[in-house]
Amino acid sequence: QLVLVESGGGLVQPGGSLRLSCAASGFASDDYAIGWFRQAPGKEREGVSCISYRIGITTYVDSVKGRFTISRDKAKNTVYLQMNSLKPEDTGVYYCAADRGLFCSGYVASKYDYWGQGTQVTVSS
C-alpha cells in the first residue's frame, strides 16, 4: 500500500518562500501521478500542481504558475513543491495525493487513490 507523508509547512510572510515535501513508501512502481492539493478554511479542496512521477511532466493551475515549482527526487522517493512569492490566499492545508496512472489527468480529487495527512501553510502579514 502506498503511503504519503507531507512535511515542510509553516508560517511565512507574504512574499516569502516555503518548500513542501511528500515522502512516499510502500510502492512497487513509478507509474503514478503525484498531485498537490490545498484546502483553505470554508473552501473546497483545489488542485495546485501535478507531476508524472516516472516521466517528470508537470502541470500547474493558473493561480500558482510562475511562483510554484513541482519536482521529484526518485532516489529519495520524494516529491517537492517549492512555493515562492507566497500570498495570503495560498494559505491552507496542503495535501499530496497519488493517482495510479502514468500521466497527470487533472485535479479531480476522486481520481487520486492515496492521500497524505496534510501540512498547514499559513501566509500572514
C-alpha atoms as a PDB file:
ATOM      1  CA  GLN A   1       0.000   0.000   0.000  1.00  0.00           C
ATOM      2  CA  LEU A   2       1.310   3.401  -0.971  1.00  0.00           C
ATOM      3  CA  VAL A   3       1.786   5.779   1.964  1.00  0.00           C
ATOM      4  CA  LEU A   4       2.348   9.508   1.555  1.00  0.00           C
ATOM      5  CA  VAL A   5       3.586  11.882   4.242  1.00  0.00           C
ATOM      6  CA  GLU A   6       3.725  15.646   3.778  1.00  0.00           C
ATOM      7  CA  SER A   7       6.074  17.963   5.616  1.00  0.00           C
ATOM      8  CA  GLY A   8       7.519  21.455   5.362  1.00  0.00           C
ATOM      9  CA  GLY A   9       4.506  23.571   6.150  1.00  0.00           C
ATOM     10  CA  GLY A  10       4.653  26.542   8.444  1.00  0.00           C
ATOM     11  CA  LEU A  11       4.079  30.249   8.887  1.00  0.00           C
ATOM     12  CA  VAL A  12       5.560  32.657   6.368  1.00  0.00           C
ATOM     13  CA  GLN A  13       5.106  36.314   5.488  1.00  0.00           C
ATOM     14  CA  PRO A  14       3.662  37.393   2.144  1.00  0.00           C
ATOM     15  CA  GLY A  15       6.367  37.279  -0.489  1.00  0.00           C
ATOM     16  CA  GLY A  16       8.213  34.550   1.338  1.00  0.00           C
ATOM     17  CA  SER A  17       9.016  31.015   0.300  1.00  0.00           C
ATOM     18  CA  LEU A  18       8.340  27.540   1.567  1.00  0.00           C
ATOM     19  CA  ARG A  19       9.260  24.078   0.347  1.00  0.00           C
ATOM     20  CA  LEU A  20       6.896  21.200   0.916  1.00  0.00           C
ATOM     21  CA  SER A  21       7.894  17.560   0.750  1.00  0.00           C
ATOM     22  CA  CYS A  22       5.845  14.467   0.034  1.00  0.00           C
ATOM     23  CA  ALA A  23       7.632  11.289   1.043  1.00  0.00           C
ATOM     24  CA  ALA A  24       6.322   8.071  -0.437  1.00  0.00           C
ATOM     25  CA  SER A  25       6.718   4.495   0.722  1.00  0.00           C
ATOM     26  CA  GLY A  26       5.200   1.113   0.037  1.00  0.00           C
ATOM     27  CA  PHE A  27       5.164   1.417  -3.738  1.00  0.00           C
ATOM     28  CA  ALA A  28       6.457  -1.034  -6.309  1.00  0.00           C
ATOM     29  CA  SER A  29       6.034   1.026  -9.466  1.00  0.00           C
ATOM     30  CA  ASP A  30       6.820   4.504 -10.784  1.00  0.00           C
ATOM     31  CA  ASP A  31       3.533   4.625 -12.660  1.00  0.00           C
ATOM     32  CA  TYR A  32       1.860   7.252 -10.514  1.00  0.00           C
ATOM     33  CA  ALA A  33       0.810  10.815 -10.973  1.00  0.00           C
ATOM     34  CA  ILE A  34       1.524  12.824  -7.831  1.00  0.00           C
ATOM     35  CA  GLY A  35      -0.622  15.863  -7.254  1.00  0.00           C
ATOM     36  CA  TRP A  36      -0.589  18.667  -4.717  1.00  0.00           C
ATOM     37  CA  PHE A  37      -3.921  19.936  -3.445  1.00  0.00           C
ATOM     38  CA  ARG A  38      -4.819  22.576  -0.898  1.00  0.00           C
ATOM     39  CA  GLN A  39      -7.844  23.434   1.157  1.00  0.00           C
ATOM     40  CA  ALA A  40      -8.491  26.720   2.909  1.00  0.00           C
ATOM     41  CA  PRO A  41     -10.966  27.000   5.801  1.00  0.00           C
ATOM     42  CA  GLY A  42     -14.503  27.137   4.476  1.00  0.00           C
ATOM     43  CA  LYS A  43     -13.429  26.375   0.917  1.00  0.00           C
ATOM     44  CA  GLU A  44     -13.371  23.241  -1.167  1.00  0.00           C
ATOM     45  CA  ARG A  45     -10.211  21.349  -1.926  1.00  0.00           C
ATOM     46  CA  GLU A  46      -8.480  22.504  -5.078  1.00  0.00           C
ATOM     47  CA  GLY A  47      -5.683  21.167  -7.192  1.00  0.00           C
ATOM     48  CA  VAL A  48      -2.399  23.051  -7.290  1.00  0.00           C
ATOM     49  CA  SER A  49       0.133  21.079  -9.274  1.00  0.00           C
ATOM     50  CA  CYS A  50       0.851  17.594 -10.550  1.00  0.00           C
ATOM     51  CA  ILE A  51       3.814  15.618 -11.778  1.00  0.00           C
ATOM     52  CA  SER A  52       4.055  12.373 -13.674  1.00  0.00           C
ATOM     53  CA  TYR A  53       6.442  10.650 -11.311  1.00  0.00           C
ATOM     54  CA  ARG A  54       8.071   8.430 -13.894  1.00  0.00           C
ATOM     55  CA  ILE A  55       8.256  10.866 -16.800  1.00  0.00           C
ATOM     56  CA  GLY A  56       8.554  14.191 -14.977  1.00  0.00           C
ATOM     57  CA  ILE A  57       5.916  16.127 -16.904  1.00  0.00           C
ATOM     58  CA  THR A  58       4.412  18.843 -14.725  1.00  0.00           C
ATOM     59  CA  THR A  59       1.235  20.892 -14.629  1.00  0.00           C
ATOM     60  CA  TYR A  60       0.102  23.911 -12.608  1.00  0.00           C
ATOM     61  CA  VAL A  61      -3.108  25.768 -12.055  1.00  0.00           C
ATOM     62  CA  ASP A  62      -3.080  29.355 -13.281  1.00  0.00           C
ATOM     63  CA  SER A  63      -3.030  30.893  -9.817  1.00  0.00           C
ATOM     64  CA  VAL A  64       0.387  29.429  -8.988  1.00  0.00           C
ATOM     65  CA  LYS A  65       2.122  29.466 -12.360  1.00  0.00           C
ATOM     66  CA  GLY A  66       5.434  31.252 -12.180  1.00  0.00           C
ATOM     67  CA  ARG A  67       5.508  31.016  -8.394  1.00  0.00           C
ATOM     68  CA  PHE A  68       5.371  27.297  -7.586  1.00  0.00           C
ATOM     69  CA  THR A  69       7.568  24.504  -8.890  1.00  0.00           C
ATOM     70  CA  ILE A  70       6.890  20.797  -8.508  1.00  0.00           C
ATOM     71  CA  SER A  71       9.713  18.293  -8.752  1.00  0.00           C
ATOM     72  CA  ARG A  72      10.680  14.833  -7.628  1.00  0.00           C
ATOM     73  CA  ASP A  73      13.787  13.084  -6.359  1.00  0.00           C
ATOM     74  CA  LYS A  74      13.473   9.405  -7.177  1.00  0.00           C
ATOM     75  CA  ALA A  75      16.481   8.492  -5.040  1.00  0.00           C
ATOM     76  CA  LYS A  76      14.631   9.856  -2.012  1.00  0.00           C
ATOM     77  CA  ASN A  77      11.149   8.746  -3.091  1.00  0.00           C
ATOM     78  CA  THR A  78      10.034  12.312  -2.575  1.00  0.00           C
ATOM     79  CA  VAL A  79       8.032  14.930  -4.440  1.00  0.00           C
ATOM     80  CA  TYR A  80       8.588  18.598  -3.642  1.00  0.00           C
ATOM     81  CA  LEU A  81       6.568  21.736  -4.043  1.00  0.00           C
ATOM     82  CA  GLN A  82       8.699  24.865  -3.982  1.00  0.00           C
ATOM     83  CA  MET A  83       6.473  27.841  -3.254  1.00  0.00           C
ATOM     84  CA  ASN A  84       7.802  31.336  -3.872  1.00  0.00           C
ATOM     85  CA  SER A  85       6.210  34.780  -3.715  1.00  0.00           C
ATOM     86  CA  LEU A  86       3.594  33.444  -1.362  1.00  0.00           C
ATOM     87  CA  LYS A  87       0.321  35.284  -0.939  1.00  0.00           C
ATOM     88  CA  PRO A  88      -2.243  35.182   1.866  1.00  0.00           C
ATOM     89  CA  GLU A  89      -4.615  33.366  -0.478  1.00  0.00           C
ATOM     90  CA  ASP A  90      -2.118  30.500  -0.625  1.00  0.00           C
ATOM     91  CA  THR A  91      -2.982  29.700   2.981  1.00  0.00           C
ATOM     92  CA  GLY A  92      -4.439  26.270   3.597  1.00  0.00           C
ATOM     93  CA  VAL A  93      -3.738  22.655   4.337  1.00  0.00           C
ATOM     94  CA  TYR A  94      -1.646  21.181   1.557  1.00  0.00           C
ATOM     95  CA  TYR A  95      -2.024  17.544   0.613  1.00  0.00           C
ATOM     96  CA  CYS A  96      -0.137  15.320  -1.753  1.00  0.00           C
ATOM     97  CA  ALA A  97      -2.012  12.550  -3.482  1.00  0.00           C
ATOM     98  CA  ALA A  98      -1.269   9.723  -5.891  1.00  0.00           C
ATOM     99  CA  ASP A  99      -3.195   8.565  -8.916  1.00  0.00           C
ATOM    100  CA  ARG A 100      -2.431   5.110 -10.293  1.00  0.00           C
ATOM    101  CA  GLY A 101      -1.825   6.468 -13.752  1.00  0.00           C
ATOM    102  CA  LEU A 102       1.328   7.208 -15.667  1.00  0.00           C
ATOM    103  CA  PHE A 103       0.301  10.761 -16.537  1.00  0.00           C
ATOM    104  CA  CYS A 104      -1.431  13.602 -14.763  1.00  0.00           C
ATOM    105  CA  SER A 105      -5.016  13.765 -15.933  1.00  0.00           C
ATOM    106  CA  GLY A 106      -6.212  16.759 -13.947  1.00  0.00           C
ATOM    107  CA  TYR A 107      -7.273  17.702 -10.444  1.00  0.00           C
ATOM    108  CA  VAL A 108     -10.356  15.619  -9.826  1.00  0.00           C
ATOM    109  CA  ALA A 109      -9.766  14.566  -6.239  1.00  0.00           C
ATOM    110  CA  SER A 110     -11.793  11.374  -6.542  1.00  0.00           C
ATOM    111  CA  LYS A 111      -9.356  10.063  -9.133  1.00  0.00           C
ATOM    112  CA  TYR A 112      -6.464  10.133  -6.676  1.00  0.00           C
ATOM    113  CA  ASP A 113      -6.298   6.879  -4.761  1.00  0.00           C
ATOM    114  CA  TYR A 114      -3.842   7.728  -1.982  1.00  0.00           C
ATOM    115  CA  TRP A 115      -3.589  10.819   0.207  1.00  0.00           C
ATOM    116  CA  GLY A 116      -1.278  12.159   2.841  1.00  0.00           C
ATOM    117  CA  GLN A 117      -2.385  13.705   6.124  1.00  0.00           C
ATOM    118  CA  GLY A 118      -1.651  17.238   5.021  1.00  0.00           C
ATOM    119  CA  THR A 119       0.609  20.030   6.192  1.00  0.00           C
ATOM    120  CA  GLN A 120      -0.516  23.514   7.183  1.00  0.00           C
ATOM    121  CA  VAL A 121       0.721  26.519   5.242  1.00  0.00           C
ATOM    122  CA  THR A 122      -0.094  29.938   6.632  1.00  0.00           C
ATOM    123  CA  VAL A 123       0.821  33.121   4.796  1.00  0.00           C
ATOM    124  CA  SER A 124       0.169  36.063   7.060  1.00  0.00           C
ATOM    125  CA  SER A 125       1.153  39.701   7.242  1.00  0.00           C
END
